[in-house]
């Protein structure tokens, strides 16, 4: 495949409508700020570069992990453990993975996208995301226990454990009824 064609395919895949809208809004805001207060535009661009330098290492690490998952884990393994039809086993594994995987959205979404490409079912995927949102182990240890204490955290975690399982199960039911 020619380099120019590869570039077009990459741009077509990576430049969806939401990305284009965000880029357009950023450019319009930059122009408006520059026209009103030119030095503020410079400060804004410097702050942007600082944020990119702070966030880029995390994003690169997440994408490397996501790529390695796709390269190392055979799709058959994902299909048998967490694929469509894996049932409560897959939903439970998704819940455990979502609970234990550290990091924020920059870490989780590349990983879950990799698993989705490898064939993770909708139930385990939704269970993973729900568990990550509700029961992230790292957040419990670092924030909840020190601020709220073990009694409050224990009750919250026990009650929250039902939701990833329920969300995964309901997602599979809904997914099987709807055609997308």
N, C-alpha and C. Protein backbone atom coordinates (compact mmCIF):
# COMPACT_ATOMS: atom_id res chain seq x y z
N UNK A 1 0.85 -1.17 0.00
CA UNK A 1 0.00 0.00 0.00
C UNK A 1 0.90 1.24 0.00
N UNK A 2 0.51 2.23 -0.77
CA UNK A 2 1.32 3.44 -0.87
C UNK A 2 1.16 4.31 0.38
N UNK A 3 2.24 5.04 0.76
CA UNK A 3 2.18 5.85 1.98
C UNK A 3 1.03 6.86 1.97
N UNK A 4 0.75 7.46 0.82
CA UNK A 4 -0.31 8.45 0.76
C UNK A 4 -1.68 7.81 1.06
N UNK A 5 -1.88 6.62 0.53
CA UNK A 5 -3.14 5.92 0.76
C UNK A 5 -3.26 5.51 2.24
N UNK A 6 -2.14 5.06 2.83
CA UNK A 6 -2.15 4.72 4.25
C UNK A 6 -2.53 5.93 5.09
N UNK A 7 -1.97 7.09 4.74
CA UNK A 7 -2.28 8.32 5.48
C UNK A 7 -3.76 8.66 5.38
N UNK A 8 -4.34 8.52 4.19
CA UNK A 8 -5.76 8.80 4.01
C UNK A 8 -6.63 7.85 4.84
N UNK A 9 -6.27 6.58 4.85
CA UNK A 9 -7.03 5.61 5.63
C UNK A 9 -6.91 5.93 7.11
N UNK A 10 -5.70 6.28 7.58
CA UNK A 10 -5.50 6.64 8.98
C UNK A 10 -6.35 7.85 9.34
N UNK A 11 -6.32 8.89 8.50
CA UNK A 11 -7.09 10.09 8.79
C UNK A 11 -8.59 9.80 8.80
N UNK A 12 -9.04 8.98 7.88
CA UNK A 12 -10.46 8.64 7.83
C UNK A 12 -10.88 7.92 9.11
N UNK A 13 -10.04 7.04 9.61
CA UNK A 13 -10.38 6.29 10.82
C UNK A 13 -10.27 7.14 12.08
N UNK A 14 -9.27 8.01 12.13
CA UNK A 14 -9.02 8.76 13.37
C UNK A 14 -9.77 10.08 13.43
N UNK A 15 -10.23 10.58 12.32
CA UNK A 15 -10.89 11.88 12.29
C UNK A 15 -12.40 11.71 12.18
N UNK A 16 -13.01 11.20 13.23
CA UNK A 16 -14.45 11.08 13.21
C UNK A 16 -15.06 12.45 13.47
N UNK A 17 -16.36 12.54 13.43
CA UNK A 17 -17.04 13.83 13.53
C UNK A 17 -16.78 14.51 14.87
N UNK A 18 -16.73 13.75 15.97
CA UNK A 18 -16.49 14.39 17.27
C UNK A 18 -15.09 14.99 17.35
N UNK A 19 -14.10 14.32 16.75
CA UNK A 19 -12.74 14.87 16.72
C UNK A 19 -12.70 16.15 15.90
N UNK A 20 -13.34 16.13 14.76
CA UNK A 20 -13.37 17.33 13.91
C UNK A 20 -14.06 18.49 14.61
N UNK A 21 -15.14 18.23 15.32
CA UNK A 21 -15.84 19.29 16.05
C UNK A 21 -14.95 19.85 17.15
N UNK A 22 -14.26 18.98 17.89
CA UNK A 22 -13.37 19.46 18.95
C UNK A 22 -12.23 20.30 18.37
N UNK A 23 -11.66 19.87 17.26
CA UNK A 23 -10.59 20.65 16.62
C UNK A 23 -11.12 22.00 16.16
N UNK A 24 -12.30 22.02 15.57
CA UNK A 24 -12.90 23.27 15.11
C UNK A 24 -13.15 24.22 16.28
N UNK A 25 -13.70 23.70 17.37
CA UNK A 25 -13.95 24.53 18.56
C UNK A 25 -12.63 25.07 19.11
N UNK A 26 -11.59 24.26 19.15
CA UNK A 26 -10.28 24.71 19.66
C UNK A 26 -9.73 25.84 18.80
N UNK A 27 -9.81 25.69 17.48
CA UNK A 27 -9.29 26.73 16.58
C UNK A 27 -10.10 28.01 16.73
N UNK A 28 -11.43 27.90 16.78
CA UNK A 28 -12.28 29.09 16.93
C UNK A 28 -11.97 29.78 18.25
N UNK A 29 -11.85 29.02 19.35
CA UNK A 29 -11.53 29.63 20.64
C UNK A 29 -10.17 30.32 20.62
N UNK A 30 -9.20 29.68 19.99
CA UNK A 30 -7.87 30.29 19.90
C UNK A 30 -7.93 31.61 19.15
N UNK A 31 -8.65 31.65 18.05
CA UNK A 31 -8.77 32.89 17.26
C UNK A 31 -9.49 33.96 18.07
N UNK A 32 -10.59 33.61 18.74
CA UNK A 32 -11.34 34.58 19.54
C UNK A 32 -10.47 35.13 20.66
N UNK A 33 -9.78 34.26 21.38
CA UNK A 33 -8.91 34.71 22.47
C UNK A 33 -7.79 35.59 21.92
N UNK A 34 -7.20 35.20 20.80
CA UNK A 34 -6.11 35.98 20.21
C UNK A 34 -6.59 37.37 19.81
N UNK A 35 -7.79 37.46 19.24
CA UNK A 35 -8.32 38.76 18.82
C UNK A 35 -8.65 39.65 20.00
N UNK A 36 -9.09 39.07 21.10
CA UNK A 36 -9.45 39.87 22.28
C UNK A 36 -8.24 40.21 23.15
N UNK A 37 -7.42 39.21 23.47
CA UNK A 37 -6.26 39.40 24.34
C UNK A 37 -5.12 38.53 23.80
N UNK A 38 -4.30 39.08 22.90
CA UNK A 38 -3.26 38.26 22.25
C UNK A 38 -2.32 37.54 23.23
N UNK A 39 -1.95 38.20 24.32
CA UNK A 39 -1.03 37.55 25.26
C UNK A 39 -1.69 36.37 25.98
N UNK A 40 -3.00 36.42 26.14
CA UNK A 40 -3.72 35.29 26.76
C UNK A 40 -3.67 34.07 25.85
N UNK A 41 -3.71 34.29 24.55
CA UNK A 41 -3.60 33.17 23.62
C UNK A 41 -2.25 32.48 23.77
N UNK A 42 -1.20 33.27 23.93
CA UNK A 42 0.13 32.70 24.15
C UNK A 42 0.20 31.91 25.44
N UNK A 43 -0.39 32.46 26.52
CA UNK A 43 -0.42 31.74 27.79
C UNK A 43 -1.20 30.43 27.65
N UNK A 44 -2.30 30.50 26.92
CA UNK A 44 -3.11 29.30 26.71
C UNK A 44 -2.35 28.23 25.94
N UNK A 45 -1.61 28.63 24.93
CA UNK A 45 -0.82 27.66 24.15
C UNK A 45 0.30 27.06 24.99
N UNK A 46 0.94 27.88 25.84
CA UNK A 46 1.98 27.34 26.73
C UNK A 46 1.38 26.36 27.73
N UNK A 47 0.20 26.67 28.26
CA UNK A 47 -0.47 25.75 29.19
C UNK A 47 -0.84 24.45 28.46
N UNK A 48 -1.23 24.57 27.20
CA UNK A 48 -1.55 23.39 26.40
C UNK A 48 -0.34 22.48 26.25
N UNK A 49 0.80 23.07 25.93
CA UNK A 49 2.03 22.28 25.78
C UNK A 49 2.39 21.62 27.11
N UNK A 50 2.25 22.35 28.21
CA UNK A 50 2.55 21.77 29.53
C UNK A 50 1.64 20.58 29.83
N UNK A 51 0.35 20.70 29.51
CA UNK A 51 -0.58 19.59 29.72
C UNK A 51 -0.23 18.39 28.85
N UNK A 52 0.12 18.65 27.61
CA UNK A 52 0.50 17.56 26.71
C UNK A 52 1.73 16.84 27.25
N UNK A 53 2.72 17.59 27.72
CA UNK A 53 3.93 16.97 28.25
C UNK A 53 3.65 16.17 29.52
N UNK A 54 2.66 16.61 30.30
CA UNK A 54 2.30 15.89 31.52
C UNK A 54 1.51 14.61 31.21
N UNK A 55 0.61 14.69 30.26
CA UNK A 55 -0.29 13.58 29.97
C UNK A 55 0.29 12.59 28.97
N UNK A 56 1.12 13.04 28.06
CA UNK A 56 1.63 12.18 26.98
C UNK A 56 2.27 10.88 27.48
N UNK A 57 3.13 10.91 28.51
CA UNK A 57 3.72 9.63 28.94
C UNK A 57 2.68 8.60 29.38
N UNK A 58 1.63 9.05 30.05
CA UNK A 58 0.57 8.13 30.48
C UNK A 58 -0.16 7.55 29.27
N UNK A 59 -0.45 8.42 28.32
CA UNK A 59 -1.17 7.95 27.13
C UNK A 59 -0.32 6.98 26.33
N UNK A 60 0.96 7.29 26.18
CA UNK A 60 1.85 6.39 25.43
C UNK A 60 1.90 5.03 26.13
N UNK A 61 2.04 5.04 27.45
CA UNK A 61 2.08 3.77 28.19
C UNK A 61 0.78 2.98 27.99
N UNK A 62 -0.35 3.66 28.06
CA UNK A 62 -1.64 2.98 27.87
C UNK A 62 -1.75 2.39 26.47
N UNK A 63 -1.32 3.13 25.46
CA UNK A 63 -1.40 2.62 24.09
C UNK A 63 -0.42 1.48 23.86
N UNK A 64 0.74 1.53 24.50
CA UNK A 64 1.68 0.41 24.39
C UNK A 64 1.07 -0.84 25.02
N UNK A 65 0.50 -0.69 26.21
CA UNK A 65 -0.15 -1.83 26.86
C UNK A 65 -1.28 -2.37 25.99
N UNK A 66 -2.11 -1.47 25.45
CA UNK A 66 -3.22 -1.90 24.61
C UNK A 66 -2.72 -2.63 23.37
N UNK A 67 -1.67 -2.11 22.74
CA UNK A 67 -1.11 -2.77 21.57
C UNK A 67 -0.52 -4.13 21.89
N UNK A 68 0.16 -4.21 23.02
CA UNK A 68 0.75 -5.49 23.42
C UNK A 68 -0.32 -6.53 23.76
N UNK A 69 -1.41 -6.07 24.35
CA UNK A 69 -2.52 -7.00 24.63
C UNK A 69 -3.00 -7.60 23.31
N UNK A 70 -3.17 -6.75 22.30
CA UNK A 70 -3.64 -7.26 21.00
C UNK A 70 -2.62 -8.20 20.36
N UNK A 71 -1.33 -7.92 20.58
CA UNK A 71 -0.29 -8.74 19.96
C UNK A 71 -0.07 -10.06 20.69
N UNK A 72 -0.24 -10.06 22.00
CA UNK A 72 0.10 -11.23 22.80
C UNK A 72 -1.08 -12.15 23.05
N UNK A 73 -2.23 -11.58 23.37
CA UNK A 73 -3.38 -12.39 23.76
C UNK A 73 -4.10 -12.90 22.51
N UNK A 74 -4.15 -14.19 22.32
CA UNK A 74 -4.87 -14.73 21.17
C UNK A 74 -6.38 -14.43 21.28
N UNK A 75 -7.01 -14.05 20.18
CA UNK A 75 -8.45 -13.77 20.22
C UNK A 75 -9.26 -14.94 20.77
N UNK A 76 -8.77 -16.17 20.56
CA UNK A 76 -9.50 -17.35 21.06
C UNK A 76 -9.57 -17.35 22.58
N UNK A 77 -8.51 -16.85 23.23
CA UNK A 77 -8.50 -16.80 24.70
C UNK A 77 -9.55 -15.81 25.18
N UNK A 78 -9.57 -14.63 24.56
CA UNK A 78 -10.58 -13.63 24.93
C UNK A 78 -11.97 -14.19 24.68
N UNK A 79 -12.15 -14.83 23.53
CA UNK A 79 -13.47 -15.37 23.18
C UNK A 79 -13.93 -16.41 24.20
N UNK A 80 -13.02 -17.28 24.64
CA UNK A 80 -13.44 -18.34 25.56
C UNK A 80 -13.67 -17.82 26.97
N UNK A 81 -12.90 -16.83 27.40
CA UNK A 81 -13.03 -16.34 28.76
C UNK A 81 -14.01 -15.18 28.90
N UNK A 82 -14.02 -14.29 27.89
CA UNK A 82 -14.82 -13.07 28.02
C UNK A 82 -15.61 -12.74 26.75
N UNK A 83 -15.67 -13.66 25.82
CA UNK A 83 -16.35 -13.40 24.56
C UNK A 83 -17.85 -13.49 24.68
N UNK A 84 -18.49 -13.28 23.55
CA UNK A 84 -19.94 -13.40 23.50
C UNK A 84 -20.33 -14.81 23.92
N UNK A 85 -21.26 -14.90 24.83
CA UNK A 85 -21.70 -16.20 25.30
C UNK A 85 -20.90 -16.72 26.49
N UNK A 86 -19.94 -15.94 27.00
CA UNK A 86 -19.17 -16.40 28.16
C UNK A 86 -19.99 -16.30 29.44
N UNK A 87 -21.11 -15.62 29.37
CA UNK A 87 -22.05 -15.57 30.49
C UNK A 87 -21.51 -14.91 31.74
N UNK A 88 -21.94 -15.43 32.87
CA UNK A 88 -21.58 -14.83 34.16
C UNK A 88 -20.08 -14.92 34.41
N UNK A 89 -19.42 -15.94 33.85
CA UNK A 89 -17.96 -16.06 34.00
C UNK A 89 -17.29 -14.84 33.38
N UNK A 90 -17.64 -14.50 32.15
CA UNK A 90 -17.04 -13.35 31.47
C UNK A 90 -17.38 -12.04 32.16
N UNK A 91 -18.62 -11.92 32.59
CA UNK A 91 -19.05 -10.70 33.29
C UNK A 91 -18.28 -10.56 34.61
N UNK A 92 -18.10 -11.66 35.32
CA UNK A 92 -17.33 -11.64 36.57
C UNK A 92 -15.87 -11.28 36.34
N UNK A 93 -15.28 -11.85 35.30
CA UNK A 93 -13.88 -11.52 34.98
C UNK A 93 -13.77 -10.04 34.62
N UNK A 94 -14.73 -9.53 33.84
CA UNK A 94 -14.74 -8.11 33.51
C UNK A 94 -14.82 -7.25 34.75
N UNK A 95 -15.65 -7.66 35.70
CA UNK A 95 -15.79 -6.91 36.95
C UNK A 95 -14.47 -6.90 37.73
N UNK A 96 -13.83 -8.05 37.84
CA UNK A 96 -12.56 -8.13 38.58
C UNK A 96 -11.49 -7.28 37.88
N UNK A 97 -11.41 -7.38 36.56
CA UNK A 97 -10.41 -6.59 35.82
C UNK A 97 -10.66 -5.10 35.98
N UNK A 98 -11.92 -4.67 35.88
CA UNK A 98 -12.24 -3.26 36.04
C UNK A 98 -11.94 -2.75 37.43
N UNK A 99 -12.14 -3.60 38.43
CA UNK A 99 -11.86 -3.22 39.81
C UNK A 99 -10.36 -3.08 40.06
N UNK A 100 -9.58 -3.98 39.50
CA UNK A 100 -8.15 -4.04 39.83
C UNK A 100 -7.25 -3.21 38.93
N UNK A 101 -7.67 -2.89 37.72
CA UNK A 101 -6.81 -2.14 36.81
C UNK A 101 -6.66 -0.71 37.30
N UNK A 102 -5.43 -0.27 37.60
CA UNK A 102 -5.24 1.09 38.11
C UNK A 102 -5.30 2.12 36.98
N UNK A 103 -5.49 3.36 37.37
CA UNK A 103 -5.41 4.44 36.39
C UNK A 103 -6.76 5.02 36.04
N UNK A 104 -6.68 6.10 35.27
CA UNK A 104 -7.88 6.81 34.85
C UNK A 104 -8.29 6.44 33.44
N UNK A 105 -9.13 7.27 32.85
CA UNK A 105 -9.66 6.99 31.51
C UNK A 105 -8.57 6.83 30.45
N UNK A 106 -7.47 7.56 30.60
CA UNK A 106 -6.39 7.44 29.60
C UNK A 106 -5.78 6.05 29.61
N UNK A 107 -5.88 5.37 30.71
CA UNK A 107 -5.35 4.01 30.82
C UNK A 107 -6.41 2.99 30.40
N UNK A 108 -7.62 3.17 30.88
CA UNK A 108 -8.66 2.16 30.69
C UNK A 108 -9.20 2.07 29.27
N UNK A 109 -9.47 3.19 28.64
CA UNK A 109 -10.15 3.12 27.35
C UNK A 109 -9.30 2.52 26.24
N UNK A 110 -8.00 2.79 26.16
CA UNK A 110 -7.20 2.04 25.17
C UNK A 110 -7.18 0.54 25.46
N UNK A 111 -7.12 0.16 26.73
CA UNK A 111 -7.11 -1.27 27.07
C UNK A 111 -8.44 -1.91 26.72
N UNK A 112 -9.54 -1.28 27.09
CA UNK A 112 -10.85 -1.87 26.80
C UNK A 112 -11.10 -1.89 25.30
N UNK A 113 -10.60 -0.89 24.56
CA UNK A 113 -10.74 -0.91 23.10
C UNK A 113 -9.97 -2.08 22.51
N UNK A 114 -8.80 -2.37 23.05
CA UNK A 114 -8.02 -3.54 22.60
C UNK A 114 -8.78 -4.83 22.85
N UNK A 115 -9.32 -4.96 24.05
CA UNK A 115 -10.08 -6.16 24.37
C UNK A 115 -11.31 -6.29 23.47
N UNK A 116 -11.93 -5.17 23.18
CA UNK A 116 -13.11 -5.20 22.30
C UNK A 116 -12.73 -5.67 20.90
N UNK A 117 -11.60 -5.19 20.40
CA UNK A 117 -11.12 -5.63 19.08
C UNK A 117 -10.78 -7.12 19.08
N UNK A 118 -10.37 -7.63 20.23
CA UNK A 118 -10.03 -9.05 20.33
C UNK A 118 -11.26 -9.94 20.52
N UNK A 119 -12.42 -9.34 20.77
CA UNK A 119 -13.64 -10.14 20.85
C UNK A 119 -14.32 -10.21 22.20
N UNK A 120 -13.98 -9.32 23.13
CA UNK A 120 -14.67 -9.31 24.42
C UNK A 120 -16.16 -9.05 24.16
N UNK A 121 -17.01 -9.75 24.89
CA UNK A 121 -18.45 -9.58 24.74
C UNK A 121 -18.93 -8.28 25.37
N UNK A 122 -20.13 -7.87 25.00
CA UNK A 122 -20.68 -6.62 25.52
C UNK A 122 -20.90 -6.69 27.04
N UNK A 123 -21.31 -7.83 27.56
CA UNK A 123 -21.53 -7.97 29.00
C UNK A 123 -20.25 -7.77 29.81
N UNK A 124 -19.17 -8.51 29.47
CA UNK A 124 -17.92 -8.29 30.18
C UNK A 124 -17.37 -6.87 30.01
N UNK A 125 -17.55 -6.30 28.82
CA UNK A 125 -17.06 -4.93 28.57
C UNK A 125 -17.78 -3.94 29.49
N UNK A 126 -19.10 -4.01 29.52
CA UNK A 126 -19.88 -3.10 30.37
C UNK A 126 -19.59 -3.36 31.85
N UNK A 127 -19.43 -4.62 32.21
CA UNK A 127 -19.09 -4.95 33.59
C UNK A 127 -17.75 -4.35 33.99
N UNK A 128 -16.75 -4.45 33.10
CA UNK A 128 -15.43 -3.87 33.33
C UNK A 128 -15.55 -2.37 33.57
N UNK A 129 -16.23 -1.68 32.65
CA UNK A 129 -16.34 -0.22 32.77
C UNK A 129 -17.12 0.20 34.01
N UNK A 130 -18.17 -0.54 34.32
CA UNK A 130 -18.98 -0.21 35.49
C UNK A 130 -18.18 -0.45 36.78
N UNK A 131 -17.46 -1.56 36.84
CA UNK A 131 -16.64 -1.84 38.02
C UNK A 131 -15.54 -0.80 38.18
N UNK A 132 -14.92 -0.41 37.07
CA UNK A 132 -13.88 0.61 37.12
C UNK A 132 -14.46 1.92 37.67
N UNK A 133 -15.66 2.27 37.20
CA UNK A 133 -16.28 3.52 37.65
C UNK A 133 -16.70 3.47 39.11
N UNK A 134 -17.21 2.34 39.55
CA UNK A 134 -17.77 2.26 40.91
C UNK A 134 -16.81 1.74 41.97
N UNK A 135 -15.89 0.86 41.57
CA UNK A 135 -15.14 0.12 42.59
C UNK A 135 -13.64 0.07 42.35
N UNK A 136 -13.08 1.07 41.70
CA UNK A 136 -11.65 1.05 41.45
C UNK A 136 -10.85 0.86 42.73
N UNK A 137 -10.11 -0.23 42.82
CA UNK A 137 -9.35 -0.59 44.02
C UNK A 137 -8.37 0.52 44.41
N UNK A 138 -7.69 1.08 43.41
CA UNK A 138 -6.72 2.14 43.67
C UNK A 138 -7.40 3.33 44.35
N UNK A 139 -8.57 3.71 43.87
CA UNK A 139 -9.30 4.85 44.46
C UNK A 139 -9.76 4.52 45.87
N UNK A 140 -10.20 3.29 46.09
CA UNK A 140 -10.66 2.89 47.43
C UNK A 140 -9.52 3.02 48.44
N UNK A 141 -8.34 2.50 48.07
CA UNK A 141 -7.19 2.51 48.97
C UNK A 141 -6.68 3.94 49.21
N UNK A 142 -6.56 4.71 48.13
CA UNK A 142 -5.93 6.03 48.24
C UNK A 142 -6.86 7.11 48.77
N UNK A 143 -8.14 7.03 48.48
CA UNK A 143 -9.03 8.13 48.79
C UNK A 143 -10.15 7.75 49.76
N UNK A 144 -10.87 6.71 49.44
CA UNK A 144 -12.07 6.43 50.22
C UNK A 144 -11.76 5.98 51.65
N UNK A 145 -10.88 5.00 51.81
CA UNK A 145 -10.57 4.52 53.17
C UNK A 145 -10.01 5.63 54.06
N UNK A 146 -9.03 6.42 53.60
CA UNK A 146 -8.51 7.47 54.48
C UNK A 146 -9.55 8.54 54.84
N UNK A 147 -10.44 8.87 53.91
CA UNK A 147 -11.39 9.95 54.17
C UNK A 147 -12.70 9.47 54.80
N UNK A 148 -13.15 8.26 54.44
CA UNK A 148 -14.47 7.81 54.89
C UNK A 148 -14.43 6.70 55.92
N UNK A 149 -13.31 6.00 56.01
CA UNK A 149 -13.18 4.92 56.97
C UNK A 149 -13.71 3.59 56.44
N UNK A 150 -13.31 2.50 57.10
CA UNK A 150 -13.64 1.16 56.59
C UNK A 150 -15.13 0.82 56.62
N UNK A 151 -15.86 1.35 57.60
CA UNK A 151 -17.28 0.99 57.69
C UNK A 151 -18.07 1.53 56.49
N UNK A 152 -17.91 2.81 56.20
CA UNK A 152 -18.62 3.43 55.07
C UNK A 152 -18.17 2.78 53.76
N UNK A 153 -16.87 2.62 53.61
CA UNK A 153 -16.34 2.04 52.37
C UNK A 153 -16.81 0.60 52.21
N UNK A 154 -16.80 -0.17 53.28
CA UNK A 154 -17.26 -1.55 53.21
C UNK A 154 -18.71 -1.65 52.74
N UNK A 155 -19.58 -0.83 53.32
CA UNK A 155 -20.99 -0.84 52.91
C UNK A 155 -21.11 -0.42 51.45
N UNK A 156 -20.42 0.64 51.06
CA UNK A 156 -20.50 1.12 49.69
C UNK A 156 -20.03 0.07 48.69
N UNK A 157 -18.92 -0.59 48.99
CA UNK A 157 -18.37 -1.60 48.08
C UNK A 157 -19.30 -2.80 47.97
N UNK A 158 -19.82 -3.28 49.09
CA UNK A 158 -20.72 -4.44 49.05
C UNK A 158 -21.95 -4.12 48.20
N UNK A 159 -22.55 -2.96 48.42
CA UNK A 159 -23.73 -2.58 47.63
C UNK A 159 -23.35 -2.38 46.16
N UNK A 160 -22.21 -1.77 45.90
CA UNK A 160 -21.79 -1.49 44.52
C UNK A 160 -21.43 -2.74 43.74
N UNK A 161 -21.08 -3.82 44.43
CA UNK A 161 -20.67 -5.05 43.73
C UNK A 161 -21.78 -5.61 42.85
N UNK A 162 -23.00 -5.33 43.18
CA UNK A 162 -24.11 -5.85 42.38
C UNK A 162 -24.21 -5.16 41.01
N UNK A 163 -23.83 -3.90 40.95
CA UNK A 163 -24.08 -3.12 39.74
C UNK A 163 -23.27 -3.56 38.52
N UNK A 164 -21.97 -3.85 38.62
CA UNK A 164 -21.26 -4.32 37.43
C UNK A 164 -21.85 -5.63 36.89
N UNK A 165 -22.23 -6.52 37.79
CA UNK A 165 -22.83 -7.79 37.36
C UNK A 165 -24.17 -7.55 36.68
N UNK A 166 -24.99 -6.72 37.30
CA UNK A 166 -26.30 -6.40 36.74
C UNK A 166 -26.16 -5.66 35.41
N UNK A 167 -25.26 -4.69 35.36
CA UNK A 167 -25.05 -3.93 34.12
C UNK A 167 -24.56 -4.83 33.00
N UNK A 168 -23.65 -5.74 33.30
CA UNK A 168 -23.16 -6.67 32.28
C UNK A 168 -24.25 -7.58 31.77
N UNK A 169 -25.04 -8.12 32.69
CA UNK A 169 -26.13 -9.03 32.32
C UNK A 169 -27.19 -8.30 31.49
N UNK A 170 -27.61 -7.10 31.95
CA UNK A 170 -28.61 -6.33 31.20
C UNK A 170 -28.09 -5.91 29.83
N UNK A 171 -26.81 -5.60 29.75
CA UNK A 171 -26.21 -5.23 28.46
C UNK A 171 -26.30 -6.37 27.47
N UNK A 172 -26.02 -7.58 27.94
CA UNK A 172 -26.13 -8.74 27.05
C UNK A 172 -27.56 -8.95 26.59
N UNK A 173 -28.52 -8.78 27.50
CA UNK A 173 -29.93 -8.92 27.11
C UNK A 173 -30.32 -7.88 26.07
N UNK A 174 -29.97 -6.63 26.33
CA UNK A 174 -30.31 -5.55 25.41
C UNK A 174 -29.61 -5.72 24.07
N UNK A 175 -28.33 -6.07 24.11
CA UNK A 175 -27.53 -6.24 22.89
C UNK A 175 -28.13 -7.32 21.99
N UNK A 176 -28.61 -8.39 22.61
CA UNK A 176 -29.17 -9.49 21.82
C UNK A 176 -30.52 -9.13 21.21
N UNK A 177 -31.22 -8.16 21.79
CA UNK A 177 -32.54 -7.77 21.29
C UNK A 177 -32.46 -6.69 20.20
N UNK A 178 -31.40 -5.90 20.23
CA UNK A 178 -31.28 -4.79 19.29
C UNK A 178 -30.31 -5.12 18.17
N UNK A 179 -30.60 -4.61 17.01
CA UNK A 179 -29.67 -4.74 15.89
C UNK A 179 -29.08 -3.36 15.63
N UNK A 180 -27.76 -3.30 15.60
CA UNK A 180 -27.09 -2.02 15.37
C UNK A 180 -26.44 -2.04 14.02
